[in-house]
N, C-alpha and C. Protein backbone atom coordinates (compact mmCIF):
# COMPACT_ATOMS: atom_id res chain seq x y z
N MET A 1 56.19 39.91 24.31
CA MET A 1 55.32 39.52 25.43
C MET A 1 54.02 38.92 24.94
N PRO A 2 53.45 38.03 25.68
CA PRO A 2 52.21 37.37 25.23
C PRO A 2 51.09 38.36 25.45
N LEU A 3 50.09 38.31 24.60
CA LEU A 3 48.82 39.10 24.78
C LEU A 3 47.84 38.31 25.66
N LYS A 4 47.17 39.12 26.51
CA LYS A 4 46.06 38.55 27.38
C LYS A 4 44.81 39.32 27.10
N ARG A 5 43.76 38.50 26.93
CA ARG A 5 42.46 39.09 26.65
C ARG A 5 41.87 39.61 28.12
N VAL A 6 41.58 40.84 28.03
CA VAL A 6 41.04 41.46 29.27
C VAL A 6 39.57 41.89 29.18
N ILE A 7 39.16 41.92 27.95
CA ILE A 7 37.67 42.25 27.73
C ILE A 7 37.19 41.37 26.61
N LEU A 8 35.92 40.86 26.76
CA LEU A 8 35.25 40.11 25.77
C LEU A 8 33.83 40.62 25.85
N GLU A 9 33.30 41.24 24.85
CA GLU A 9 31.93 41.76 24.90
C GLU A 9 31.17 41.29 23.58
N LEU A 10 29.88 41.05 23.77
CA LEU A 10 29.09 40.56 22.73
C LEU A 10 27.88 41.51 22.44
N GLY A 11 27.51 41.48 21.15
CA GLY A 11 26.31 42.37 20.80
C GLY A 11 25.64 41.81 19.59
N ALA A 12 24.43 42.36 19.42
CA ALA A 12 23.59 41.99 18.27
C ALA A 12 23.00 43.30 17.72
N GLY A 13 22.84 43.17 16.39
CA GLY A 13 22.30 44.31 15.63
C GLY A 13 21.51 43.83 14.52
N ASN A 14 20.66 44.77 13.99
CA ASN A 14 19.88 44.39 12.84
C ASN A 14 19.66 45.56 11.84
N ASP A 15 19.22 45.18 10.71
CA ASP A 15 18.64 46.09 9.75
C ASP A 15 17.34 45.59 9.31
N LEU A 16 16.23 46.11 9.83
CA LEU A 16 14.89 45.51 9.75
C LEU A 16 14.35 45.68 8.22
N HIS A 17 14.76 46.63 7.53
CA HIS A 17 14.24 46.81 6.19
C HIS A 17 15.44 47.22 5.27
N GLY A 18 15.66 46.57 4.28
CA GLY A 18 16.61 46.87 3.24
C GLY A 18 17.80 45.84 3.17
N GLY A 19 17.92 45.02 4.07
CA GLY A 19 19.00 43.94 3.95
C GLY A 19 20.35 44.50 3.91
N ASP A 20 20.72 45.50 4.70
CA ASP A 20 22.01 46.18 4.70
C ASP A 20 22.90 45.47 5.80
N TYR A 21 23.77 44.62 5.30
CA TYR A 21 24.66 43.70 6.26
C TYR A 21 25.64 44.62 7.04
N THR A 22 26.15 45.73 6.41
CA THR A 22 27.07 46.52 7.09
C THR A 22 26.31 47.37 8.17
N LYS A 23 25.14 47.87 7.89
CA LYS A 23 24.33 48.50 8.88
C LYS A 23 24.11 47.68 10.15
N ALA A 24 23.68 46.48 9.82
CA ALA A 24 23.36 45.47 10.98
C ALA A 24 24.74 45.16 11.72
N ALA A 25 25.87 45.05 11.06
CA ALA A 25 27.15 44.79 11.71
C ALA A 25 27.51 45.96 12.66
N LEU A 26 27.36 47.20 12.09
CA LEU A 26 27.68 48.35 12.83
C LEU A 26 26.85 48.52 14.16
N ARG A 27 25.55 48.14 14.00
CA ARG A 27 24.69 48.20 15.14
C ARG A 27 25.05 47.16 16.16
N ALA A 28 25.46 45.99 15.70
CA ALA A 28 26.00 44.85 16.56
C ALA A 28 27.18 45.31 17.39
N VAL A 29 28.13 45.99 16.65
CA VAL A 29 29.35 46.53 17.31
C VAL A 29 28.95 47.59 18.40
N GLN A 30 28.13 48.49 18.00
CA GLN A 30 27.69 49.57 18.99
C GLN A 30 27.06 48.96 20.11
N ASP A 31 26.22 47.87 19.97
CA ASP A 31 25.50 47.23 21.09
C ASP A 31 26.60 46.70 21.95
N ALA A 32 27.63 46.02 21.47
CA ALA A 32 28.69 45.44 22.34
C ALA A 32 29.36 46.51 23.07
N LEU A 33 29.69 47.61 22.36
CA LEU A 33 30.52 48.74 22.97
C LEU A 33 29.74 49.39 24.10
N HIS A 34 28.40 49.44 23.91
CA HIS A 34 27.55 50.15 24.95
C HIS A 34 27.40 49.21 26.18
N HIS A 35 27.81 47.97 26.09
CA HIS A 35 27.82 47.13 27.23
C HIS A 35 29.14 47.23 28.04
N SER A 36 30.10 47.80 27.51
CA SER A 36 31.38 47.74 28.10
C SER A 36 31.74 49.07 28.84
N SER A 37 32.42 48.86 29.89
CA SER A 37 33.07 49.90 30.65
C SER A 37 34.55 49.77 30.68
N LEU A 38 35.29 50.68 30.10
CA LEU A 38 36.68 50.55 29.93
C LEU A 38 37.49 50.94 31.18
N SER A 39 36.86 51.02 32.34
CA SER A 39 37.55 51.39 33.57
C SER A 39 38.72 50.54 33.88
N LEU A 40 38.64 49.27 33.55
CA LEU A 40 39.80 48.41 33.83
C LEU A 40 40.98 48.95 33.14
N ILE A 41 40.89 49.42 32.00
CA ILE A 41 42.10 49.98 31.26
C ILE A 41 42.69 51.15 31.97
N ARG A 42 41.80 52.07 32.45
CA ARG A 42 42.26 53.21 33.25
C ARG A 42 42.87 52.80 34.59
N SER A 43 42.20 51.84 35.18
CA SER A 43 42.53 51.39 36.53
C SER A 43 43.94 50.79 36.59
N LEU A 44 44.28 50.05 35.46
CA LEU A 44 45.60 49.44 35.32
C LEU A 44 46.63 50.38 34.69
N ASP A 45 46.20 51.56 34.38
CA ASP A 45 47.07 52.52 33.69
C ASP A 45 47.71 52.07 32.39
N LEU A 46 46.80 51.29 31.63
CA LEU A 46 47.23 50.88 30.29
C LEU A 46 46.93 51.91 29.22
N ASP A 47 47.79 51.92 28.25
CA ASP A 47 47.68 52.83 27.12
C ASP A 47 46.63 52.29 26.15
N PRO A 48 45.40 52.88 26.02
CA PRO A 48 44.39 52.35 25.13
C PRO A 48 44.80 52.18 23.66
N ARG A 49 45.79 52.95 23.29
CA ARG A 49 46.26 52.97 21.84
C ARG A 49 46.93 51.67 21.61
N SER A 50 47.48 50.99 22.66
CA SER A 50 48.31 49.69 22.61
C SER A 50 47.36 48.50 22.54
N ALA A 51 46.04 48.72 22.78
CA ALA A 51 45.15 47.57 22.76
C ALA A 51 45.09 46.93 21.43
N GLN A 52 45.06 45.59 21.37
CA GLN A 52 44.81 44.83 20.25
C GLN A 52 43.30 44.42 20.16
N VAL A 53 42.63 44.82 19.35
CA VAL A 53 41.15 44.75 19.31
C VAL A 53 40.76 43.86 18.10
N GLU A 54 40.18 42.73 18.57
CA GLU A 54 39.64 41.79 17.37
C GLU A 54 38.15 41.84 17.39
N VAL A 55 37.56 42.16 16.30
CA VAL A 55 36.12 42.24 16.08
C VAL A 55 35.79 41.09 15.15
N THR A 56 34.86 40.27 15.54
CA THR A 56 34.35 39.14 14.81
C THR A 56 32.85 39.43 14.53
N ILE A 57 32.38 39.47 13.26
CA ILE A 57 31.04 39.76 12.92
C ILE A 57 30.51 38.50 12.22
N GLY A 58 29.27 38.16 12.68
CA GLY A 58 28.63 36.95 12.07
C GLY A 58 27.35 37.44 11.35
N VAL A 59 27.35 37.16 10.06
CA VAL A 59 26.13 37.43 9.16
C VAL A 59 25.99 36.27 8.16
N GLN A 60 24.94 36.23 7.52
CA GLN A 60 24.62 35.19 6.57
C GLN A 60 25.47 35.43 5.30
N ARG A 61 25.70 36.68 4.90
CA ARG A 61 26.50 36.94 3.71
C ARG A 61 27.67 37.80 4.10
N PRO A 62 28.77 37.12 4.61
CA PRO A 62 29.97 37.95 5.05
C PRO A 62 30.59 38.91 4.01
N GLU A 63 30.50 38.57 2.77
CA GLU A 63 31.05 39.35 1.68
C GLU A 63 30.27 40.74 1.53
N MET A 64 29.22 40.83 2.15
CA MET A 64 28.40 42.03 2.02
C MET A 64 28.72 43.11 3.17
N VAL A 65 29.55 42.79 4.04
CA VAL A 65 29.96 43.71 5.22
C VAL A 65 31.10 44.45 4.78
N ASN A 66 31.08 45.79 4.96
CA ASN A 66 32.21 46.70 4.72
C ASN A 66 33.09 46.65 5.97
N ALA A 67 34.11 45.82 5.94
CA ALA A 67 34.88 45.77 7.17
C ALA A 67 35.71 46.98 7.54
N ALA A 68 36.03 47.80 6.49
CA ALA A 68 36.68 49.09 6.84
C ALA A 68 35.75 49.95 7.61
N ALA A 69 34.48 49.99 7.31
CA ALA A 69 33.54 50.80 8.08
C ALA A 69 33.45 50.27 9.57
N VAL A 70 33.53 48.94 9.77
CA VAL A 70 33.51 48.49 11.10
C VAL A 70 34.71 48.85 11.84
N THR A 71 35.90 48.74 11.16
CA THR A 71 37.10 49.12 11.79
C THR A 71 37.14 50.61 12.25
N ALA A 72 36.62 51.49 11.31
CA ALA A 72 36.52 52.87 11.63
C ALA A 72 35.57 53.26 12.79
N SER A 73 34.72 52.37 13.07
CA SER A 73 33.75 52.63 14.23
C SER A 73 34.30 52.37 15.59
N MET A 74 35.55 51.72 15.60
CA MET A 74 36.01 51.39 16.91
C MET A 74 36.76 52.56 17.56
N PRO A 75 36.52 52.77 18.88
CA PRO A 75 37.07 53.99 19.52
C PRO A 75 38.51 53.80 19.89
N LEU A 76 39.14 52.67 19.90
CA LEU A 76 40.55 52.62 20.44
C LEU A 76 41.21 51.40 19.82
N GLY A 77 42.58 51.40 19.99
CA GLY A 77 43.41 50.31 19.72
C GLY A 77 43.70 50.04 18.29
N GLN A 78 44.47 48.97 18.08
CA GLN A 78 44.71 48.48 16.74
C GLN A 78 43.76 47.37 16.45
N VAL A 79 42.94 47.73 15.41
CA VAL A 79 41.69 46.84 15.16
C VAL A 79 41.85 45.92 14.01
N THR A 80 41.42 44.73 14.22
CA THR A 80 41.28 43.74 13.08
C THR A 80 39.83 43.35 13.11
N VAL A 81 39.34 43.08 11.89
CA VAL A 81 37.94 42.77 11.73
C VAL A 81 37.91 41.46 10.91
N LYS A 82 37.17 40.49 11.39
CA LYS A 82 36.94 39.20 10.76
C LYS A 82 35.46 39.07 10.57
N VAL A 83 34.96 38.83 9.36
CA VAL A 83 33.49 38.55 9.11
C VAL A 83 33.37 37.15 8.76
N VAL A 84 32.40 36.53 9.39
CA VAL A 84 32.18 35.03 9.29
C VAL A 84 30.73 34.82 9.02
N LYS A 85 30.49 33.56 8.55
CA LYS A 85 29.02 33.16 8.31
C LYS A 85 28.38 32.99 9.74
N GLY A 86 27.28 33.66 9.87
CA GLY A 86 26.52 33.53 11.13
C GLY A 86 25.25 34.45 11.00
N GLY A 87 24.81 34.89 12.10
CA GLY A 87 23.61 35.73 12.16
C GLY A 87 22.42 35.11 11.57
N LEU A 88 21.54 35.94 11.04
CA LEU A 88 20.19 35.41 10.61
C LEU A 88 19.64 36.35 9.57
N ASP A 89 19.11 35.78 8.45
CA ASP A 89 18.31 36.56 7.53
C ASP A 89 16.83 36.10 7.61
N LEU A 90 15.96 37.13 7.64
CA LEU A 90 14.48 36.91 7.73
C LEU A 90 13.88 37.57 6.60
N PRO A 91 13.47 36.85 5.54
CA PRO A 91 12.85 37.41 4.36
C PRO A 91 11.42 37.81 4.73
N ALA A 92 10.86 38.87 4.05
CA ALA A 92 9.56 39.32 4.31
C ALA A 92 8.53 38.25 3.67
N GLU A 93 7.36 38.22 4.18
CA GLU A 93 6.35 37.26 3.75
C GLU A 93 6.19 37.23 2.28
N HIS A 94 6.26 38.36 1.66
CA HIS A 94 6.04 38.58 0.24
C HIS A 94 7.30 38.75 -0.60
N GLY A 95 8.42 38.55 0.05
CA GLY A 95 9.77 38.60 -0.63
C GLY A 95 10.23 39.84 -1.04
N HIS A 96 9.69 41.02 -0.57
CA HIS A 96 10.05 42.37 -1.05
C HIS A 96 11.00 43.16 -0.10
N ASP A 97 11.36 42.37 1.03
CA ASP A 97 12.26 43.01 2.04
C ASP A 97 13.06 41.89 2.68
N LEU A 98 14.05 42.39 3.33
CA LEU A 98 14.91 41.31 4.09
C LEU A 98 15.32 41.98 5.35
N ALA A 99 15.16 41.28 6.54
CA ALA A 99 15.71 41.75 7.77
C ALA A 99 17.00 40.90 8.04
N VAL A 100 18.04 41.71 8.45
CA VAL A 100 19.29 41.07 8.62
C VAL A 100 19.68 41.27 10.08
N ILE A 101 20.06 40.14 10.76
CA ILE A 101 20.47 40.18 12.11
C ILE A 101 21.93 39.75 12.21
N ALA A 102 22.76 40.57 12.73
CA ALA A 102 24.19 40.34 12.89
C ALA A 102 24.59 40.15 14.33
N SER A 103 25.65 39.32 14.58
CA SER A 103 26.29 39.13 15.91
C SER A 103 27.66 39.72 15.84
N ALA A 104 28.06 40.26 16.97
CA ALA A 104 29.49 40.82 17.09
C ALA A 104 30.13 40.25 18.45
N ALA A 105 31.37 39.98 18.31
CA ALA A 105 32.21 39.65 19.49
C ALA A 105 33.38 40.55 19.38
N ILE A 106 33.65 41.29 20.50
CA ILE A 106 34.90 42.18 20.47
C ILE A 106 35.81 41.73 21.63
N ALA A 107 36.90 41.41 21.29
CA ALA A 107 38.04 40.88 22.15
C ALA A 107 39.10 42.00 22.25
N VAL A 108 39.40 42.41 23.51
CA VAL A 108 40.48 43.39 23.62
C VAL A 108 41.64 42.78 24.41
N ARG A 109 42.92 42.87 23.79
CA ARG A 109 44.02 42.19 24.47
C ARG A 109 45.14 43.31 24.72
N PHE A 110 45.93 42.96 25.70
CA PHE A 110 47.02 43.83 26.11
C PHE A 110 48.19 42.91 26.30
N GLU A 111 49.49 43.41 26.11
CA GLU A 111 50.69 42.65 26.45
C GLU A 111 50.66 42.42 27.98
N ALA A 112 51.00 41.15 28.37
CA ALA A 112 51.01 40.76 29.78
C ALA A 112 52.41 41.11 30.26
N PRO A 113 52.54 41.67 31.51
CA PRO A 113 53.86 42.01 32.02
C PRO A 113 54.58 40.75 32.44
């Protein structure tokens, strides 16, 4: 059966001091999750464990994100994480610190009847 996207939620997160890309990514995911209400899943009597969840993270240095930590932070479904170039890095004026801004998109799909 084909999968149908029933939820698309977006979020942004940052690590203002320390340049931790995973921390910024996790905060972006949490921001997206806090904007979502999964009442649709309950209303349609869908099994949340059967959800196909695709998380896309955008940061300037994708290789610095621990995708396994992002996967572990998701509350339901079969999760895949893709990390791509995006987001924003803001170096401190004197070069001693780095602020990292990450973007997250979470798509949830279910099999269509």
